C-alpha cells in the first residue's frame, strides 16, 4: 500500500543496491535555509559544506557517483511532498481519475511522448517556492562546489518528473547523459565539469523504477566514453548489466553522479505506485560547449519572475543573474531599471557600486 508515493517503511539499504550507508542521516537535518533572512546563501553553503563527508567525496571520485540517504530532514520532506502535489497527482489521486491523468505531461519543452524518459515533467523554475528551493538546496550546491573545486558554479538544469505504474515503458539502456548536455565529450578534468543529481521525493523500491548505475571501475578501463555509443544495450554489452547497481533508497535521498557515469532508468513493474524525482545539476562557468542552462528559455515567465523575486542574491547568481559587485551594476540607471522590472527584488545589494 502506498500513501502519497511513500511505502510503509523505508526502502531497505541492503547489500548490492548501490547505496553506501552514510550512517545516521539526522546529521544532515540542520536548520533549513530561508531566502532573504538573516543568513545569506553563501553562509548557508558554508554551513552545509561542513556536513559533507570525505568518504562520500572519495566514493564519487572512485566510482563516478555517490548516494546519500535521507539528506532531506523529515520536515523538509513533508514540505516537498506538499509541493510536488501542486504539480502532479498522488497515486491515489491518479487511479481515482486515471482517464483525466493518464495523458498528463506537464509543461516541459523536453517532454517526448512515448519515450522511456517520459512521464509528467515540469522545468525549473516552478510555480512553487519549495520546489525551487529544493532544486538549489545549499547542501547540493556545496557538494557540487566541493567536487568542482570552485564556488562560482551555475545551475545546468532542473526538472520535476513523475512516473506512474502502468503508464509507460520506462526501461532504458545504460547511457551517460552527455549527448543532450554537451556539444562534445565530458572530460575527466574537473576544470570543466557538469555535475547532475537526482533527488528522490518518494521511496524507491526494486519494482518502482530505480535508477541503475555502473561504477567507473567497470567503465573507465574500457574507455566506453570514447567508443562512439551513447547507449549501451543489454544485448551488446551484457557484462555491464551484470555489475549495475539499483538505487533503492528512501524518500529524501540523492544520487550525485557525473556526465561520464553510465546509468539508466528502469521499468516500473509494480501494479501500483509512483516515483517522483527532482533532477538538478551544476556546472563550471568556463565551458560554453556544455550545460545548456535549460531554465533560461523561461526568461520572462511568471515562474521565473517569481523565483528571481523570492531568491537570495547568491541563488540568482546560480542561474546567470549578475552577481553583487559585478561591473554590470556600476550604472545606476541599470540598477533602477532592473528594480522596475522586478519590483519585489531588494536592489540595495546591487546598488552599492553604482556610480
C-alpha atoms as a PDB file:
ATOM      1  CA  UNK A   1       0.000   0.000   0.000  1.00  0.00           C
ATOM      2  CA  UNK A   2       1.343   3.427  -0.879  1.00  0.00           C
ATOM      3  CA  UNK A   3       0.447   6.755   0.645  1.00  0.00           C
ATOM      4  CA  UNK A   4       1.467   9.784  -1.438  1.00  0.00           C
ATOM      5  CA  UNK A   5       4.101   7.647  -3.116  1.00  0.00           C
ATOM      6  CA  UNK A   6       5.725   6.509   0.142  1.00  0.00           C
ATOM      7  CA  UNK A   7       5.856   2.880   1.132  1.00  0.00           C
ATOM      8  CA  UNK A   8       5.017   1.704   4.630  1.00  0.00           C
ATOM      9  CA  UNK A   9       8.560   1.869   5.961  1.00  0.00           C
ATOM     10  CA  UNK A  10      11.690   2.951   4.132  1.00  0.00           C
ATOM     11  CA  UNK A  11      13.349   1.013   1.346  1.00  0.00           C
ATOM     12  CA  UNK A  12      15.987  -1.401   2.564  1.00  0.00           C
ATOM     13  CA  UNK A  13      19.613  -0.375   2.362  1.00  0.00           C
ATOM     14  CA  UNK A  14      20.661  -3.907   1.501  1.00  0.00           C
ATOM     15  CA  UNK A  15      23.877  -5.232   0.024  1.00  0.00           C
ATOM     16  CA  UNK A  16      24.157  -4.883  -3.718  1.00  0.00           C
ATOM     17  CA  UNK A  17      21.761  -1.998  -4.157  1.00  0.00           C
ATOM     18  CA  UNK A  18      24.459   0.561  -4.861  1.00  0.00           C
ATOM     19  CA  UNK A  19      23.921   2.525  -1.666  1.00  0.00           C
ATOM     20  CA  UNK A  20      26.828   3.375   0.579  1.00  0.00           C
ATOM     21  CA  UNK A  21      25.478   3.844   4.086  1.00  0.00           C
ATOM     22  CA  UNK A  22      26.048   7.374   5.336  1.00  0.00           C
ATOM     23  CA  UNK A  23      25.328   6.467   8.947  1.00  0.00           C
ATOM     24  CA  UNK A  24      22.806   8.422  10.970  1.00  0.00           C
ATOM     25  CA  UNK A  25      21.009  10.676   8.451  1.00  0.00           C
ATOM     26  CA  UNK A  26      19.988  13.105  11.184  1.00  0.00           C
ATOM     27  CA  UNK A  27      23.472  14.624  10.892  1.00  0.00           C
ATOM     28  CA  UNK A  28      22.120  16.385   7.776  1.00  0.00           C
ATOM     29  CA  UNK A  29      18.948  17.622   9.451  1.00  0.00           C
ATOM     30  CA  UNK A  30      20.084  21.085  10.388  1.00  0.00           C
ATOM     31  CA  UNK A  31      18.252  24.371  10.247  1.00  0.00           C
ATOM     32  CA  UNK A  32      16.991  24.879   6.671  1.00  0.00           C
ATOM     33  CA  UNK A  33      17.999  27.916   4.680  1.00  0.00           C
ATOM     34  CA  UNK A  34      15.366  30.639   4.283  1.00  0.00           C
ATOM     35  CA  UNK A  35      15.997  33.182   1.490  1.00  0.00           C
ATOM     36  CA  UNK A  36      16.225  36.845   2.423  1.00  0.00           C
ATOM     37  CA  UNK A  37      16.543  36.124   6.115  1.00  0.00           C
ATOM     38  CA  UNK A  38      19.423  36.764   8.476  1.00  0.00           C
ATOM     39  CA  UNK A  39      21.611  34.191   6.711  1.00  0.00           C
ATOM     40  CA  UNK A  40      22.930  34.668   3.177  1.00  0.00           C
ATOM     41  CA  UNK A  41      23.016  31.810   0.698  1.00  0.00           C
ATOM     42  CA  UNK A  42      26.821  31.945   0.784  1.00  0.00           C
ATOM     43  CA  UNK A  43      26.762  31.484   4.552  1.00  0.00           C
ATOM     44  CA  UNK A  44      24.244  28.648   4.194  1.00  0.00           C
ATOM     45  CA  UNK A  45      26.511  26.854   1.722  1.00  0.00           C
ATOM     46  CA  UNK A  46      29.406  27.201   4.141  1.00  0.00           C
ATOM     47  CA  UNK A  47      27.259  25.778   6.936  1.00  0.00           C
ATOM     48  CA  UNK A  48      26.054  22.830   4.859  1.00  0.00           C
ATOM     49  CA  UNK A  49      29.528  22.168   3.446  1.00  0.00           C
ATOM     50  CA  UNK A  50      30.585  21.089   6.937  1.00  0.00           C
ATOM     51  CA  UNK A  51      28.168  18.152   6.621  1.00  0.00           C
ATOM     52  CA  UNK A  52      29.942  16.735   3.559  1.00  0.00           C
ATOM     53  CA  UNK A  53      31.826  13.562   4.422  1.00  0.00           C
ATOM     54  CA  UNK A  54      35.246  12.931   2.911  1.00  0.00           C
ATOM     55  CA  UNK A  55      34.287   9.305   2.263  1.00  0.00           C
ATOM     56  CA  UNK A  56      31.312  10.406   0.144  1.00  0.00           C
ATOM     57  CA  UNK A  57      33.565  12.614  -1.968  1.00  0.00           C
ATOM     58  CA  UNK A  58      36.057   9.746  -2.270  1.00  0.00           C
ATOM     59  CA  UNK A  59      33.283   7.369  -3.376  1.00  0.00           C
ATOM     60  CA  UNK A  60      32.197   9.807  -6.082  1.00  0.00           C
ATOM     61  CA  UNK A  61      35.775  10.210  -7.288  1.00  0.00           C
ATOM     62  CA  UNK A  62      36.355   6.443  -7.413  1.00  0.00           C
ATOM     63  CA  UNK A  63      33.002   5.250  -8.741  1.00  0.00           C
ATOM     64  CA  UNK A  64      31.558   8.286 -10.535  1.00  0.00           C
ATOM     65  CA  UNK A  65      28.581   8.538  -8.204  1.00  0.00           C
ATOM     66  CA  UNK A  66      27.582   8.611  -4.565  1.00  0.00           C
ATOM     67  CA  UNK A  67      24.181   8.071  -2.964  1.00  0.00           C
ATOM     68  CA  UNK A  68      23.386   9.987   0.200  1.00  0.00           C
ATOM     69  CA  UNK A  69      20.340   8.691   2.004  1.00  0.00           C
ATOM     70  CA  UNK A  70      17.773  10.985   3.607  1.00  0.00           C
ATOM     71  CA  UNK A  71      19.744  14.201   3.410  1.00  0.00           C
ATOM     72  CA  UNK A  72      16.371  15.963   3.499  1.00  0.00           C
ATOM     73  CA  UNK A  73      15.004  16.258   7.020  1.00  0.00           C
ATOM     74  CA  UNK A  74      11.516  14.906   7.810  1.00  0.00           C
ATOM     75  CA  UNK A  75      10.269  18.498   7.911  1.00  0.00           C
ATOM     76  CA  UNK A  76      11.817  19.322   4.526  1.00  0.00           C
ATOM     77  CA  UNK A  77      10.410  16.128   3.030  1.00  0.00           C
ATOM     78  CA  UNK A  78       6.942  16.917   4.349  1.00  0.00           C
ATOM     79  CA  UNK A  79       7.090  20.312   2.646  1.00  0.00           C
ATOM     80  CA  UNK A  80       8.445  18.705  -0.534  1.00  0.00           C
ATOM     81  CA  UNK A  81       5.540  16.232  -0.516  1.00  0.00           C
ATOM     82  CA  UNK A  82       3.015  19.036  -0.404  1.00  0.00           C
ATOM     83  CA  UNK A  83       4.964  20.943  -3.068  1.00  0.00           C
ATOM     84  CA  UNK A  84       5.151  18.261  -5.746  1.00  0.00           C
ATOM     85  CA  UNK A  85       1.480  17.512  -5.236  1.00  0.00           C
ATOM     86  CA  UNK A  86       0.706  21.020  -6.516  1.00  0.00           C
ATOM     87  CA  UNK A  87       2.058  19.863  -9.889  1.00  0.00           C
ATOM     88  CA  UNK A  88       1.085  16.200 -10.186  1.00  0.00           C
ATOM     89  CA  UNK A  89      -1.210  13.677  -8.518  1.00  0.00           C
ATOM     90  CA  UNK A  90      -0.505  11.192  -5.775  1.00  0.00           C
ATOM     91  CA  UNK A  91      -1.008   7.556  -6.728  1.00  0.00           C
ATOM     92  CA  UNK A  92      -4.410   7.538  -5.040  1.00  0.00           C
ATOM     93  CA  UNK A  93      -5.497  10.607  -6.989  1.00  0.00           C
ATOM     94  CA  UNK A  94      -4.104   9.154 -10.195  1.00  0.00           C
ATOM     95  CA  UNK A  95      -6.068   5.897 -10.039  1.00  0.00           C
ATOM     96  CA  UNK A  96      -9.242   7.670  -8.934  1.00  0.00           C
ATOM     97  CA  UNK A  97      -9.151   9.847 -12.085  1.00  0.00           C
ATOM     98  CA  UNK A  98      -6.978   7.767 -14.403  1.00  0.00           C
ATOM     99  CA  UNK A  99      -8.714   8.911 -17.586  1.00  0.00           C
ATOM    100  CA  UNK A 100      -8.022  12.531 -16.694  1.00  0.00           C
ATOM    101  CA  UNK A 101      -4.452  11.993 -15.524  1.00  0.00           C
ATOM    102  CA  UNK A 102      -3.177   9.347 -17.955  1.00  0.00           C
ATOM    103  CA  UNK A 103      -2.326  11.936 -20.613  1.00  0.00           C
ATOM    104  CA  UNK A 104      -0.904  14.480 -18.154  1.00  0.00           C
ATOM    105  CA  UNK A 105       2.528  15.506 -19.435  1.00  0.00           C
ATOM    106  CA  UNK A 106       3.444  18.715 -17.622  1.00  0.00           C
ATOM    107  CA  UNK A 107       4.866  21.761 -19.362  1.00  0.00           C
ATOM    108  CA  UNK A 108       8.462  20.791 -20.125  1.00  0.00           C
ATOM    109  CA  UNK A 109       9.850  21.537 -23.559  1.00  0.00           C
ATOM    110  CA  UNK A 110      11.956  18.385 -23.191  1.00  0.00           C
ATOM    111  CA  UNK A 111       8.973  16.050 -22.803  1.00  0.00           C
ATOM    112  CA  UNK A 112       8.961  13.433 -25.580  1.00  0.00           C
ATOM    113  CA  UNK A 113       5.703  11.446 -25.567  1.00  0.00           C
ATOM    114  CA  UNK A 114       6.248   7.697 -25.648  1.00  0.00           C
ATOM    115  CA  UNK A 115       9.951   7.839 -24.796  1.00  0.00           C
ATOM    116  CA  UNK A 116      11.464   5.871 -21.924  1.00  0.00           C
ATOM    117  CA  UNK A 117      12.239   9.204 -20.275  1.00  0.00           C
ATOM    118  CA  UNK A 118       8.635  10.390 -20.494  1.00  0.00           C
ATOM    119  CA  UNK A 119       6.320  10.898 -17.568  1.00  0.00           C
ATOM    120  CA  UNK A 120       4.850  14.023 -16.062  1.00  0.00           C
ATOM    121  CA  UNK A 121       7.529  16.678 -16.394  1.00  0.00           C
ATOM    122  CA  UNK A 122       7.945  20.308 -15.337  1.00  0.00           C
ATOM    123  CA  UNK A 123      11.001  22.521 -15.774  1.00  0.00           C
ATOM    124  CA  UNK A 124      12.648  24.827 -13.249  1.00  0.00           C
ATOM    125  CA  UNK A 125      11.657  27.390 -12.134  1.00  0.00           C
ATOM    126  CA  UNK A 126       8.349  26.150 -10.794  1.00  0.00           C
ATOM    127  CA  UNK A 127       5.214  27.863  -9.584  1.00  0.00           C
ATOM    128  CA  UNK A 128       6.149  26.732  -6.087  1.00  0.00           C
ATOM    129  CA  UNK A 129       8.829  28.212  -3.840  1.00  0.00           C
ATOM    130  CA  UNK A 130       9.561  24.943  -2.024  1.00  0.00           C
ATOM    131  CA  UNK A 131      10.314  23.130  -5.289  1.00  0.00           C
ATOM    132  CA  UNK A 132      12.559  25.972  -6.415  1.00  0.00           C
ATOM    133  CA  UNK A 133      14.483  25.910  -3.146  1.00  0.00           C
ATOM    134  CA  UNK A 134      14.824  22.132  -3.339  1.00  0.00           C
ATOM    135  CA  UNK A 135      16.433  22.362  -6.787  1.00  0.00           C
ATOM    136  CA  UNK A 136      19.176  24.618  -5.408  1.00  0.00           C
ATOM    137  CA  UNK A 137      19.396  23.180  -1.903  1.00  0.00           C
ATOM    138  CA  UNK A 138      22.559  24.570  -0.251  1.00  0.00           C
ATOM    139  CA  UNK A 139      23.828  21.076   0.576  1.00  0.00           C
ATOM    140  CA  UNK A 140      23.635  20.045  -3.089  1.00  0.00           C
ATOM    141  CA  UNK A 141      25.313  23.227  -4.298  1.00  0.00           C
ATOM    142  CA  UNK A 142      28.018  22.917  -1.632  1.00  0.00           C
ATOM    143  CA  UNK A 143      28.674  19.300  -2.614  1.00  0.00           C
ATOM    144  CA  UNK A 144      28.990  20.244  -6.290  1.00  0.00           C
ATOM    145  CA  UNK A 145      31.382  23.063  -5.384  1.00  0.00           C
ATOM    146  CA  UNK A 146      33.496  20.617  -3.377  1.00  0.00           C
ATOM    147  CA  UNK A 147      33.740  18.289  -6.380  1.00  0.00           C
ATOM    148  CA  UNK A 148      34.495  21.115  -8.814  1.00  0.00           C
ATOM    149  CA  UNK A 149      36.919  22.917  -6.513  1.00  0.00           C
ATOM    150  CA  UNK A 150      35.340  26.334  -7.031  1.00  0.00           C
ATOM    151  CA  UNK A 151      32.417  28.367  -5.711  1.00  0.00           C
ATOM    152  CA  UNK A 152      31.067  30.085  -8.818  1.00  0.00           C
ATOM    153  CA  UNK A 153      29.036  27.259 -10.344  1.00  0.00           C
ATOM    154  CA  UNK A 154      25.942  27.772 -12.467  1.00  0.00           C
ATOM    155  CA  UNK A 155      22.771  25.720 -12.495  1.00  0.00           C
ATOM    156  CA  UNK A 156      22.581  23.411 -15.506  1.00  0.00           C
ATOM    157  CA  UNK A 157      19.049  22.070 -15.311  1.00  0.00           C
ATOM    158  CA  UNK A 158      16.048  21.460 -13.128  1.00  0.00           C
ATOM    159  CA  UNK A 159      13.225  19.026 -13.834  1.00  0.00           C
ATOM    160  CA  UNK A 160      10.431  17.641 -11.676  1.00  0.00           C
ATOM    161  CA  UNK A 161       9.439  14.251 -13.099  1.00  0.00           C
ATOM    162  CA  UNK A 162       6.713  11.833 -12.057  1.00  0.00           C
ATOM    163  CA  UNK A 163       6.291   8.285 -13.344  1.00  0.00           C
ATOM    164  CA  UNK A 164       3.199   6.177 -12.640  1.00  0.00           C
ATOM    165  CA  UNK A 165       2.686   2.420 -12.667  1.00  0.00           C
ATOM    166  CA  UNK A 166       1.035   1.201 -15.854  1.00  0.00           C
ATOM    167  CA  UNK A 167       1.537   4.459 -17.738  1.00  0.00           C
ATOM    168  CA  UNK A 168       4.522   3.892 -19.995  1.00  0.00           C
ATOM    169  CA  UNK A 169       7.634   1.836 -20.553  1.00  0.00           C
ATOM    170  CA  UNK A 170      10.451   3.438 -18.590  1.00  0.00           C
ATOM    171  CA  UNK A 171      13.072   0.742 -19.212  1.00  0.00           C
ATOM    172  CA  UNK A 172      16.229   2.336 -20.619  1.00  0.00           C
ATOM    173  CA  UNK A 173      19.583   1.072 -21.792  1.00  0.00           C
ATOM    174  CA  UNK A 174      22.739   2.120 -19.983  1.00  0.00           C
ATOM    175  CA  UNK A 175      23.956   5.533 -21.096  1.00  0.00           C
ATOM    176  CA  UNK A 176      25.735   8.655 -19.961  1.00  0.00           C
ATOM    177  CA  UNK A 177      23.939  11.985 -20.153  1.00  0.00           C
ATOM    178  CA  UNK A 178      26.373  13.926 -22.291  1.00  0.00           C
ATOM    179  CA  UNK A 179      24.675  13.852 -25.701  1.00  0.00           C
ATOM    180  CA  UNK A 180      21.929  16.308 -24.780  1.00  0.00           C
ATOM    181  CA  UNK A 181      24.040  18.273 -22.302  1.00  0.00           C
ATOM    182  CA  UNK A 182      27.282  19.000 -24.139  1.00  0.00           C
ATOM    183  CA  UNK A 183      28.435  19.508 -27.724  1.00  0.00           C
ATOM    184  CA  UNK A 184      31.492  17.324 -27.161  1.00  0.00           C
ATOM    185  CA  UNK A 185      32.514  14.569 -24.707  1.00  0.00           C
ATOM    186  CA  UNK A 186      32.824  15.182 -20.947  1.00  0.00           C
ATOM    187  CA  UNK A 187      36.430  15.446 -19.863  1.00  0.00           C
ATOM    188  CA  UNK A 188      37.929  13.694 -16.843  1.00  0.00           C
ATOM    189  CA  UNK A 189      39.358  17.068 -15.857  1.00  0.00           C
ATOM    190  CA  UNK A 190      37.157  18.797 -13.264  1.00  0.00           C
ATOM    191  CA  UNK A 191      38.273  22.149 -14.676  1.00  0.00           C
ATOM    192  CA  UNK A 192      35.280  21.738 -16.987  1.00  0.00           C
ATOM    193  CA  UNK A 193      32.612  19.739 -15.248  1.00  0.00           C
ATOM    194  CA  UNK A 194      28.841  19.362 -15.109  1.00  0.00           C
ATOM    195  CA  UNK A 195      27.522  17.513 -12.047  1.00  0.00           C
ATOM    196  CA  UNK A 196      23.993  16.054 -12.365  1.00  0.00           C
ATOM    197  CA  UNK A 197      21.902  14.920  -9.406  1.00  0.00           C
ATOM    198  CA  UNK A 198      18.591  13.164  -8.759  1.00  0.00           C
ATOM    199  CA  UNK A 199      16.705  13.790  -5.524  1.00  0.00           C
ATOM    200  CA  UNK A 200      14.092  11.121  -4.805  1.00  0.00           C
ATOM    201  CA  UNK A 201      10.910  12.560  -3.303  1.00  0.00           C
ATOM    202  CA  UNK A 202       9.223   9.166  -2.913  1.00  0.00           C
ATOM    203  CA  UNK A 203      10.578   5.845  -1.688  1.00  0.00           C
ATOM    204  CA  UNK A 204      12.197   3.806  -4.457  1.00  0.00           C
ATOM    205  CA  UNK A 205      11.896   0.024  -4.336  1.00  0.00           C
ATOM    206  CA  UNK A 206      13.086  -2.510  -6.912  1.00  0.00           C
ATOM    207  CA  UNK A 207       9.678  -2.522  -8.590  1.00  0.00           C
ATOM    208  CA  UNK A 208       9.249   1.273  -8.672  1.00  0.00           C
ATOM    209  CA  UNK A 209      11.776   2.119 -11.368  1.00  0.00           C
ATOM    210  CA  UNK A 210      15.073   2.574  -9.532  1.00  0.00           C
ATOM    211  CA  UNK A 211      17.992   4.255 -11.252  1.00  0.00           C
ATOM    212  CA  UNK A 212      20.667   1.674 -12.098  1.00  0.00           C
ATOM    213  CA  UNK A 213      24.280   2.817 -12.073  1.00  0.00           C
ATOM    214  CA  UNK A 214      27.631   1.299 -13.077  1.00  0.00           C
ATOM    215  CA  UNK A 215      30.845   2.179 -11.268  1.00  0.00           C
ATOM    216  CA  UNK A 216      33.643   3.912 -13.133  1.00  0.00           C
ATOM    217  CA  UNK A 217      35.765   0.956 -12.068  1.00  0.00           C
ATOM    218  CA  UNK A 218      33.972  -1.039 -14.762  1.00  0.00           C
ATOM    219  CA  UNK A 219      33.561   1.612 -17.458  1.00  0.00           C
ATOM    220  CA  UNK A 220      36.661   3.809 -17.403  1.00  0.00           C
ATOM    221  CA  UNK A 221      39.212   1.000 -18.072  1.00  0.00           C
ATOM    222  CA  UNK A 222      37.163   0.048 -21.137  1.00  0.00           C
ATOM    223  CA  UNK A 223      37.084   3.653 -22.410  1.00  0.00           C
ATOM    224  CA  UNK A 224      33.348   3.392 -23.036  1.00  0.00           C
ATOM    225  CA  UNK A 225      33.077   7.178 -23.271  1.00  0.00           C
ATOM    226  CA  UNK A 226      35.111   7.035 -26.474  1.00  0.00           C
ATOM    227  CA  UNK A 227      33.548   4.068 -28.294  1.00  0.00           C
ATOM    228  CA  UNK A 228      31.016   6.134 -30.248  1.00  0.00           C
ATOM    229  CA  UNK A 229      27.944   4.753 -28.493  1.00  0.00           C
ATOM    230  CA  UNK A 230      25.919   6.811 -26.064  1.00  0.00           C
ATOM    231  CA  UNK A 231      23.517   3.947 -25.370  1.00  0.00           C
ATOM    232  CA  UNK A 232      24.937   0.542 -24.451  1.00  0.00           C
ATOM    233  CA  UNK A 233      22.263  -2.115 -24.801  1.00  0.00           C
ATOM    234  CA  UNK A 234      21.879  -5.281 -22.793  1.00  0.00           C
ATOM    235  CA  UNK A 235      22.281  -7.322 -25.974  1.00  0.00           C
ATOM    236  CA  UNK A 236      25.598  -5.738 -26.966  1.00  0.00           C
ATOM    237  CA  UNK A 237      27.076  -5.146 -23.512  1.00  0.00           C
ATOM    238  CA  UNK A 238      25.638  -7.852 -21.208  1.00  0.00           C
ATOM    239  CA  UNK A 239      28.651  -7.679 -18.905  1.00  0.00           C
ATOM    240  CA  UNK A 240      27.753  -4.108 -17.891  1.00  0.00           C
ATOM    241  CA  UNK A 241      24.307  -5.185 -16.759  1.00  0.00           C
ATOM    242  CA  UNK A 242      25.863  -7.853 -14.577  1.00  0.00           C
ATOM    243  CA  UNK A 243      27.608  -5.198 -12.481  1.00  0.00           C
ATOM    244  CA  UNK A 244      24.961  -2.444 -12.420  1.00  0.00           C
ATOM    245  CA  UNK A 245      23.519  -1.455  -9.036  1.00  0.00           C
ATOM    246  CA  UNK A 246      19.977  -0.197  -8.321  1.00  0.00           C
ATOM    247  CA  UNK A 247      19.497   2.936  -6.250  1.00  0.00           C
ATOM    248  CA  UNK A 248      16.913   1.532  -3.836  1.00  0.00           C
ATOM    249  CA  UNK A 249      16.511   4.407  -1.425  1.00  0.00           C
ATOM    250  CA  UNK A 250      14.058   6.099   0.912  1.00  0.00           C
ATOM    251  CA  UNK A 251      12.461   9.407   0.036  1.00  0.00           C
ATOM    252  CA  UNK A 252      14.695  12.384   0.697  1.00  0.00           C
ATOM    253  CA  UNK A 253      17.807  10.714  -0.748  1.00  0.00           C
ATOM    254  CA  UNK A 254      20.011  11.922  -3.598  1.00  0.00           C
ATOM    255  CA  UNK A 255      22.346  10.379  -6.155  1.00  0.00           C
ATOM    256  CA  UNK A 256      25.156  12.685  -7.251  1.00  0.00           C
ATOM    257  CA  UNK A 257      26.856  11.412 -10.387  1.00  0.00           C
ATOM    258  CA  UNK A 258      28.869  12.514 -13.408  1.00  0.00           C
ATOM    259  CA  UNK A 259      28.287  13.110 -17.100  1.00  0.00           C
ATOM    260  CA  UNK A 260      30.724  10.208 -17.562  1.00  0.00           C
ATOM    261  CA  UNK A 261      28.687   7.848 -15.372  1.00  0.00           C
ATOM    262  CA  UNK A 262      26.722   5.091 -17.094  1.00  0.00           C
ATOM    263  CA  UNK A 263      23.258   4.662 -15.636  1.00  0.00           C
ATOM    264  CA  UNK A 264      19.679   4.054 -16.702  1.00  0.00           C
ATOM    265  CA  UNK A 265      16.082   4.439 -15.681  1.00  0.00           C
ATOM    266  CA  UNK A 266      14.221   1.170 -15.216  1.00  0.00           C
ATOM    267  CA  UNK A 267      10.702  -0.113 -15.665  1.00  0.00           C
ATOM    268  CA  UNK A 268       8.039   0.271 -13.018  1.00  0.00           C
ATOM    269  CA  UNK A 269       6.913  -3.323 -12.596  1.00  0.00           C
ATOM    270  CA  UNK A 270       4.718  -2.672  -9.566  1.00  0.00           C
ATOM    271  CA  UNK A 271       0.970  -2.718 -10.130  1.00  0.00           C
ATOM    272  CA  UNK A 272       0.560   0.487  -8.165  1.00  0.00           C
ATOM    273  CA  UNK A 273       2.694   3.401  -7.076  1.00  0.00           C
ATOM    274  CA  UNK A 274       4.606   6.337  -8.478  1.00  0.00           C
ATOM    275  CA  UNK A 275       8.147   7.655  -8.483  1.00  0.00           C
ATOM    276  CA  UNK A 276       8.636  11.396  -8.102  1.00  0.00           C
ATOM    277  CA  UNK A 277      12.102  12.887  -8.547  1.00  0.00           C
ATOM    278  CA  UNK A 278      13.809  16.243  -8.905  1.00  0.00           C
ATOM    279  CA  UNK A 279      16.673  16.407 -11.410  1.00  0.00           C
ATOM    280  CA  UNK A 280      19.171  19.187 -10.949  1.00  0.00           C
ATOM    281  CA  UNK A 281      22.790  19.878 -11.857  1.00  0.00           C
ATOM    282  CA  UNK A 282      25.583  22.430 -11.579  1.00  0.00           C
ATOM    283  CA  UNK A 283      28.499  23.218 -13.869  1.00  0.00           C
ATOM    284  CA  UNK A 284      31.618  25.334 -14.090  1.00  0.00           C
ATOM    285  CA  UNK A 285      31.010  28.618 -15.958  1.00  0.00           C
ATOM    286  CA  UNK A 286      34.073  28.348 -18.194  1.00  0.00           C
ATOM    287  CA  UNK A 287      32.836  25.903 -20.838  1.00  0.00           C
ATOM    288  CA  UNK A 288      30.228  27.204 -23.317  1.00  0.00           C
ATOM    289  CA  UNK A 289      30.205  23.805 -25.029  1.00  0.00           C
ATOM    290  CA  UNK A 290      28.359  22.157 -22.140  1.00  0.00           C
ATOM    291  CA  UNK A 291      25.372  22.643 -19.846  1.00  0.00           C
ATOM    292  CA  UNK A 292      22.693  24.413 -21.924  1.00  0.00           C
ATOM    293  CA  UNK A 293      21.098  26.004 -18.805  1.00  0.00           C
ATOM    294  CA  UNK A 294      17.613  24.782 -19.697  1.00  0.00           C
ATOM    295  CA  UNK A 295      15.856  27.269 -17.450  1.00  0.00           C
ATOM    296  CA  UNK A 296      16.985  30.320 -19.409  1.00  0.00           C
ATOM    297  CA  UNK A 297      14.398  29.685 -22.109  1.00  0.00           C
ATOM    298  CA  UNK A 298      11.849  30.588 -19.424  1.00  0.00           C
ATOM    299  CA  UNK A 299      13.008  34.187 -19.087  1.00  0.00           C
ATOM    300  CA  UNK A 300      10.013  36.457 -18.684  1.00  0.00           C
ATOM    301  CA  UNK A 301       7.721  33.688 -17.465  1.00  0.00           C
ATOM    302  CA  UNK A 302       5.665  34.168 -14.320  1.00  0.00           C
ATOM    303  CA  UNK A 303       7.611  31.327 -12.705  1.00  0.00           C
ATOM    304  CA  UNK A 304      10.978  32.932 -13.450  1.00  0.00           C
ATOM    305  CA  UNK A 305       9.805  36.299 -12.162  1.00  0.00           C
ATOM    306  CA  UNK A 306       8.548  34.589  -9.006  1.00  0.00           C
ATOM    307  CA  UNK A 307      11.853  32.830  -8.422  1.00  0.00           C
ATOM    308  CA  UNK A 308      14.000  35.911  -9.019  1.00  0.00           C
ATOM    309  CA  UNK A 309      11.834  37.976  -6.693  1.00  0.00           C
ATOM    310  CA  UNK A 310      11.999  35.428  -3.864  1.00  0.00           C
ATOM    311  CA  UNK A 311      15.597  34.243  -4.222  1.00  0.00           C
ATOM    312  CA  UNK A 312      18.720  35.321  -2.367  1.00  0.00           C
ATOM    313  CA  UNK A 313      21.353  37.166  -4.483  1.00  0.00           C
ATOM    314  CA  UNK A 314      23.585  34.075  -4.354  1.00  0.00           C
ATOM    315  CA  UNK A 315      20.751  31.926  -5.665  1.00  0.00           C
ATOM    316  CA  UNK A 316      20.054  34.324  -8.515  1.00  0.00           C
ATOM    317  CA  UNK A 317      23.712  34.107  -9.450  1.00  0.00           C
ATOM    318  CA  UNK A 318      23.319  30.323  -9.886  1.00  0.00           C
ATOM    319  CA  UNK A 319      21.035  30.853 -12.862  1.00  0.00           C
ATOM    320  CA  UNK A 320      23.144  33.528 -14.539  1.00  0.00           C
ATOM    321  CA  UNK A 321      21.909  36.736 -12.877  1.00  0.00           C
ATOM    322  CA  UNK A 322      24.807  39.220 -12.497  1.00  0.00           C
ATOM    323  CA  UNK A 323      26.309  38.796  -9.025  1.00  0.00           C
ATOM    324  CA  UNK A 324      26.528  41.513  -6.419  1.00  0.00           C
ATOM    325  CA  UNK A 325      29.653  43.587  -7.071  1.00  0.00           C
ATOM    326  CA  UNK A 326      29.740  42.854 -10.812  1.00  0.00           C
ATOM    327  CA  UNK A 327      30.639  45.779 -13.075  1.00  0.00           C
ATOM    328  CA  UNK A 328      27.211  45.448 -14.682  1.00  0.00           C
ATOM    329  CA  UNK A 329      25.771  47.184 -11.632  1.00  0.00           C
ATOM    330  CA  UNK A 330      28.053  50.234 -11.886  1.00  0.00           C
ATOM    331  CA  UNK A 331      25.423  52.086 -13.915  1.00  0.00           C
ATOM    332  CA  UNK A 332      22.732  53.474 -11.567  1.00  0.00           C
ATOM    333  CA  UNK A 333      20.228  53.646 -14.429  1.00  0.00           C
ATOM    334  CA  UNK A 334      20.621  49.904 -14.941  1.00  0.00           C
ATOM    335  CA  UNK A 335      20.077  49.237 -11.241  1.00  0.00           C
ATOM    336  CA  UNK A 336      16.933  51.354 -11.288  1.00  0.00           C
ATOM    337  CA  UNK A 337      15.597  49.705 -14.453  1.00  0.00           C
ATOM    338  CA  UNK A 338      16.145  46.176 -13.158  1.00  0.00           C
ATOM    339  CA  UNK A 339      14.367  47.193  -9.966  1.00  0.00           C
ATOM    340  CA  UNK A 340      11.391  48.333 -12.037  1.00  0.00           C
ATOM    341  CA  UNK A 341      11.369  45.052 -13.946  1.00  0.00           C
ATOM    342  CA  UNK A 342      11.401  43.087 -10.686  1.00  0.00           C
ATOM    343  CA  UNK A 343       9.814  45.419  -8.114  1.00  0.00           C
ATOM    344  CA  UNK A 344       9.917  42.763  -5.386  1.00  0.00           C
ATOM    345  CA  UNK A 345      13.716  42.393  -5.526  1.00  0.00           C
ATOM    346  CA  UNK A 346      15.654  44.317  -2.901  1.00  0.00           C
ATOM    347  CA  UNK A 347      18.104  46.181  -5.131  1.00  0.00           C
ATOM    348  CA  UNK A 348      20.157  47.613  -2.255  1.00  0.00           C
ATOM    349  CA  UNK A 349      22.950  44.989  -2.508  1.00  0.00           C
ATOM    350  CA  UNK A 350      23.279  45.660  -6.248  1.00  0.00           C
ATOM    351  CA  UNK A 351      23.320  49.458  -5.958  1.00  0.00           C
ATOM    352  CA  UNK A 352      26.387  49.702  -3.725  1.00  0.00           C
ATOM    353  CA  UNK A 353      28.779  50.016  -6.671  1.00  0.00           C
ATOM    354  CA  UNK A 354      26.563  52.297  -8.764  1.00  0.00           C
ATOM    355  CA  UNK A 355      28.369  55.482  -9.792  1.00  0.00           C
END
